[in-house]
Amino acid sequence: MTYQVRLLPADVTFTATEHESVLQAALNAGIAFPNRCQVGACAMCMCRKLSGEISYQLEPMLTEKEQAQGWMFTCQATAKSDLVLSMD
């Protein structure tokens, strides 16, 4: 399955499959997405999910409050629906 991912505020859109991380999909699309470790330790790829569904193979090191606010690690998350993400 392929999903549309929209990045705000730049309003850039790319596609992601359910078999790749959101970060990897962005990098594959040629989008300069902040990242360093790609394992969820550095938090450089962290952004806020405004809408859509994601899943993690391993639970991220985020508090329940951070997750409730929409924060996510794109290096660890896979899309399960179309997504709208904020880089602010």
N, C-alpha and C. Protein backbone atom coordinates (compact mmCIF):
# COMPACT_ATOMS: atom_id res chain seq x y z
N MET A 1 0.84 -1.18 0.00
CA MET A 1 0.00 0.00 0.00
C MET A 1 0.89 1.24 0.00
N THR A 2 0.50 2.26 -0.75
CA THR A 2 1.25 3.51 -0.84
C THR A 2 0.38 4.64 -0.30
N TYR A 3 1.02 5.54 0.47
CA TYR A 3 0.30 6.65 1.09
C TYR A 3 0.95 7.97 0.72
N GLN A 4 0.17 9.04 0.74
CA GLN A 4 0.67 10.39 0.50
C GLN A 4 1.06 11.01 1.85
N VAL A 5 2.23 11.62 1.89
CA VAL A 5 2.70 12.32 3.09
C VAL A 5 2.91 13.77 2.70
N ARG A 6 2.27 14.66 3.43
CA ARG A 6 2.38 16.10 3.17
C ARG A 6 3.14 16.75 4.31
N LEU A 7 4.20 17.48 3.98
CA LEU A 7 5.02 18.19 4.98
C LEU A 7 4.66 19.66 4.98
N LEU A 8 4.34 20.17 6.14
CA LEU A 8 4.06 21.60 6.32
C LEU A 8 5.18 22.21 7.13
N PRO A 9 5.51 23.46 7.03
CA PRO A 9 4.81 24.48 6.26
C PRO A 9 5.25 24.57 4.79
N ALA A 10 6.20 23.77 4.36
CA ALA A 10 6.72 23.87 2.99
C ALA A 10 5.72 23.35 1.96
N ASP A 11 4.69 22.61 2.39
CA ASP A 11 3.68 22.02 1.51
C ASP A 11 4.31 21.13 0.44
N VAL A 12 5.19 20.25 0.89
CA VAL A 12 5.85 19.27 0.03
C VAL A 12 5.15 17.93 0.23
N THR A 13 4.91 17.21 -0.86
CA THR A 13 4.23 15.92 -0.77
C THR A 13 5.12 14.84 -1.37
N PHE A 14 5.13 13.67 -0.72
CA PHE A 14 5.85 12.51 -1.25
C PHE A 14 5.05 11.27 -0.89
N THR A 15 5.43 10.14 -1.47
CA THR A 15 4.73 8.90 -1.17
C THR A 15 5.58 8.03 -0.25
N ALA A 16 4.89 7.24 0.56
CA ALA A 16 5.55 6.30 1.48
C ALA A 16 4.78 4.99 1.43
N THR A 17 5.51 3.89 1.45
CA THR A 17 4.86 2.60 1.54
C THR A 17 4.81 2.17 2.99
N GLU A 18 4.02 1.16 3.27
CA GLU A 18 3.93 0.66 4.65
C GLU A 18 5.14 -0.17 5.04
N HIS A 19 6.08 -0.35 4.09
CA HIS A 19 7.26 -1.17 4.36
C HIS A 19 8.54 -0.35 4.53
N GLU A 20 8.42 0.99 4.55
CA GLU A 20 9.60 1.84 4.73
C GLU A 20 9.26 2.91 5.76
N SER A 21 10.29 3.40 6.43
CA SER A 21 10.03 4.47 7.40
C SER A 21 9.65 5.74 6.65
N VAL A 22 8.95 6.61 7.33
CA VAL A 22 8.57 7.89 6.74
C VAL A 22 9.83 8.67 6.35
N LEU A 23 10.86 8.61 7.19
CA LEU A 23 12.12 9.29 6.88
C LEU A 23 12.74 8.72 5.60
N GLN A 24 12.80 7.40 5.48
CA GLN A 24 13.41 6.80 4.30
C GLN A 24 12.62 7.16 3.04
N ALA A 25 11.31 7.21 3.14
CA ALA A 25 10.48 7.60 2.00
C ALA A 25 10.80 9.05 1.57
N ALA A 26 10.96 9.93 2.56
CA ALA A 26 11.30 11.33 2.25
C ALA A 26 12.66 11.42 1.57
N LEU A 27 13.64 10.71 2.12
CA LEU A 27 14.98 10.74 1.54
C LEU A 27 14.98 10.13 0.14
N ASN A 28 14.21 9.06 -0.07
CA ASN A 28 14.10 8.44 -1.40
C ASN A 28 13.48 9.39 -2.42
N ALA A 29 12.62 10.30 -1.92
CA ALA A 29 11.97 11.29 -2.79
C ALA A 29 12.85 12.52 -3.02
N GLY A 30 14.05 12.53 -2.44
CA GLY A 30 14.96 13.65 -2.62
C GLY A 30 14.68 14.84 -1.72
N ILE A 31 13.94 14.61 -0.65
CA ILE A 31 13.59 15.69 0.29
C ILE A 31 14.67 15.77 1.36
N ALA A 32 15.17 16.97 1.59
CA ALA A 32 16.20 17.19 2.61
C ALA A 32 15.53 17.19 3.98
N PHE A 33 15.38 16.02 4.56
CA PHE A 33 14.70 15.85 5.84
C PHE A 33 15.76 15.73 6.93
N PRO A 34 15.68 16.53 8.00
CA PRO A 34 16.70 16.47 9.05
C PRO A 34 16.80 15.07 9.65
N ASN A 35 18.01 14.55 9.75
CA ASN A 35 18.21 13.25 10.38
C ASN A 35 19.69 13.07 10.68
N ARG A 36 19.99 12.18 11.59
CA ARG A 36 21.37 11.86 11.91
C ARG A 36 21.51 10.36 12.17
N CYS A 37 20.91 9.87 13.23
CA CYS A 37 21.17 8.49 13.66
C CYS A 37 20.30 7.44 12.96
N GLN A 38 19.10 7.82 12.60
CA GLN A 38 18.10 6.95 11.97
C GLN A 38 17.68 5.76 12.82
N VAL A 39 17.88 5.87 14.14
CA VAL A 39 17.42 4.82 15.06
C VAL A 39 16.59 5.38 16.22
N GLY A 40 16.19 6.65 16.15
CA GLY A 40 15.34 7.22 17.17
C GLY A 40 16.03 7.72 18.42
N ALA A 41 17.35 7.94 18.34
CA ALA A 41 18.08 8.38 19.52
C ALA A 41 18.39 9.87 19.51
N CYS A 42 18.58 10.46 18.34
CA CYS A 42 19.05 11.85 18.27
C CYS A 42 17.91 12.88 18.23
N ALA A 43 16.71 12.46 17.84
CA ALA A 43 15.51 13.31 17.76
C ALA A 43 15.56 14.35 16.65
N MET A 44 16.54 14.29 15.76
CA MET A 44 16.60 15.28 14.67
C MET A 44 15.42 15.13 13.71
N CYS A 45 14.91 13.93 13.52
CA CYS A 45 13.83 13.70 12.56
C CYS A 45 12.44 13.84 13.20
N MET A 46 12.41 14.22 14.46
CA MET A 46 11.13 14.33 15.16
C MET A 46 10.28 15.44 14.56
N CYS A 47 9.03 15.14 14.33
CA CYS A 47 8.09 16.16 13.86
C CYS A 47 6.73 15.85 14.45
N ARG A 48 5.76 16.68 14.12
CA ARG A 48 4.42 16.50 14.69
C ARG A 48 3.46 15.97 13.62
N LYS A 49 2.75 14.93 13.96
CA LYS A 49 1.73 14.37 13.08
C LYS A 49 0.44 15.13 13.31
N LEU A 50 -0.04 15.80 12.26
CA LEU A 50 -1.29 16.55 12.37
C LEU A 50 -2.49 15.69 12.03
N SER A 51 -2.29 14.72 11.13
CA SER A 51 -3.37 13.79 10.81
C SER A 51 -2.77 12.53 10.22
N GLY A 52 -3.54 11.44 10.33
CA GLY A 52 -3.13 10.17 9.78
C GLY A 52 -2.73 9.18 10.85
N GLU A 53 -2.42 7.96 10.39
CA GLU A 53 -2.08 6.87 11.29
C GLU A 53 -0.68 6.35 10.96
N ILE A 54 0.09 6.07 12.01
CA ILE A 54 1.43 5.50 11.87
C ILE A 54 1.54 4.29 12.78
N SER A 55 2.59 3.52 12.57
CA SER A 55 2.90 2.45 13.52
C SER A 55 4.41 2.38 13.67
N TYR A 56 4.81 1.77 14.76
CA TYR A 56 6.23 1.57 15.07
C TYR A 56 6.49 0.08 15.23
N GLN A 57 7.64 -0.37 14.74
CA GLN A 57 8.04 -1.75 14.99
C GLN A 57 8.45 -1.88 16.46
N LEU A 58 9.19 -0.89 16.97
CA LEU A 58 9.55 -0.80 18.38
C LEU A 58 8.99 0.51 18.90
N GLU A 59 8.45 0.50 20.09
CA GLU A 59 7.89 1.73 20.66
C GLU A 59 8.98 2.79 20.80
N PRO A 60 8.67 4.03 20.38
CA PRO A 60 9.65 5.11 20.44
C PRO A 60 9.87 5.60 21.86
N MET A 61 10.98 6.29 22.05
CA MET A 61 11.28 6.87 23.36
C MET A 61 10.61 8.24 23.47
N LEU A 62 9.29 8.20 23.46
CA LEU A 62 8.47 9.40 23.62
C LEU A 62 7.53 9.16 24.79
N THR A 63 7.25 10.21 25.56
CA THR A 63 6.29 10.07 26.64
C THR A 63 4.89 9.94 26.05
N GLU A 64 3.96 9.48 26.87
CA GLU A 64 2.56 9.40 26.42
C GLU A 64 2.04 10.78 26.05
N LYS A 65 2.45 11.81 26.82
CA LYS A 65 2.03 13.18 26.54
C LYS A 65 2.55 13.64 25.18
N GLU A 66 3.83 13.36 24.89
CA GLU A 66 4.41 13.74 23.59
C GLU A 66 3.68 13.03 22.44
N GLN A 67 3.39 11.76 22.63
CA GLN A 67 2.67 11.03 21.59
C GLN A 67 1.25 11.57 21.42
N ALA A 68 0.60 11.92 22.52
CA ALA A 68 -0.75 12.50 22.46
C ALA A 68 -0.74 13.84 21.74
N GLN A 69 0.37 14.57 21.84
CA GLN A 69 0.51 15.85 21.15
C GLN A 69 0.88 15.68 19.68
N GLY A 70 1.10 14.43 19.24
CA GLY A 70 1.38 14.16 17.85
C GLY A 70 2.85 14.01 17.50
N TRP A 71 3.75 14.14 18.48
CA TRP A 71 5.18 14.03 18.17
C TRP A 71 5.50 12.61 17.73
N MET A 72 6.39 12.49 16.76
CA MET A 72 6.78 11.19 16.23
C MET A 72 8.20 11.21 15.72
N PHE A 73 8.83 10.05 15.71
CA PHE A 73 10.15 9.88 15.10
C PHE A 73 9.93 9.31 13.71
N THR A 74 10.21 10.09 12.68
CA THR A 74 9.98 9.63 11.32
C THR A 74 10.90 8.49 10.93
N CYS A 75 12.05 8.37 11.59
CA CYS A 75 12.98 7.28 11.27
C CYS A 75 12.47 5.93 11.73
N GLN A 76 11.53 5.92 12.65
CA GLN A 76 11.00 4.68 13.20
C GLN A 76 9.55 4.42 12.80
N ALA A 77 8.87 5.43 12.29
CA ALA A 77 7.44 5.32 11.99
C ALA A 77 7.20 4.89 10.55
N THR A 78 6.20 4.05 10.37
CA THR A 78 5.73 3.70 9.04
C THR A 78 4.30 4.21 8.89
N ALA A 79 3.97 4.64 7.68
CA ALA A 79 2.64 5.17 7.40
C ALA A 79 1.63 4.04 7.33
N LYS A 80 0.47 4.26 7.91
CA LYS A 80 -0.65 3.33 7.81
C LYS A 80 -1.86 4.00 7.17
N SER A 81 -1.66 5.27 6.76
CA SER A 81 -2.69 6.04 6.05
C SER A 81 -1.98 7.25 5.46
N ASP A 82 -2.69 8.09 4.72
CA ASP A 82 -2.12 9.35 4.30
C ASP A 82 -1.79 10.16 5.56
N LEU A 83 -0.72 10.96 5.48
CA LEU A 83 -0.26 11.72 6.65
C LEU A 83 -0.11 13.20 6.32
N VAL A 84 -0.32 14.04 7.32
CA VAL A 84 0.04 15.45 7.27
C VAL A 84 0.97 15.67 8.46
N LEU A 85 2.20 16.13 8.19
CA LEU A 85 3.20 16.34 9.23
C LEU A 85 3.64 17.78 9.26
N SER A 86 3.97 18.28 10.44
CA SER A 86 4.46 19.64 10.59
C SER A 86 5.92 19.61 11.06
N MET A 87 6.76 20.35 10.35
CA MET A 87 8.17 20.44 10.72
C MET A 87 8.44 21.60 11.67
N ASP A 88 7.42 22.36 12.05
CA ASP A 88 7.59 23.49 12.97
C ASP A 88 7.68 23.02 14.40
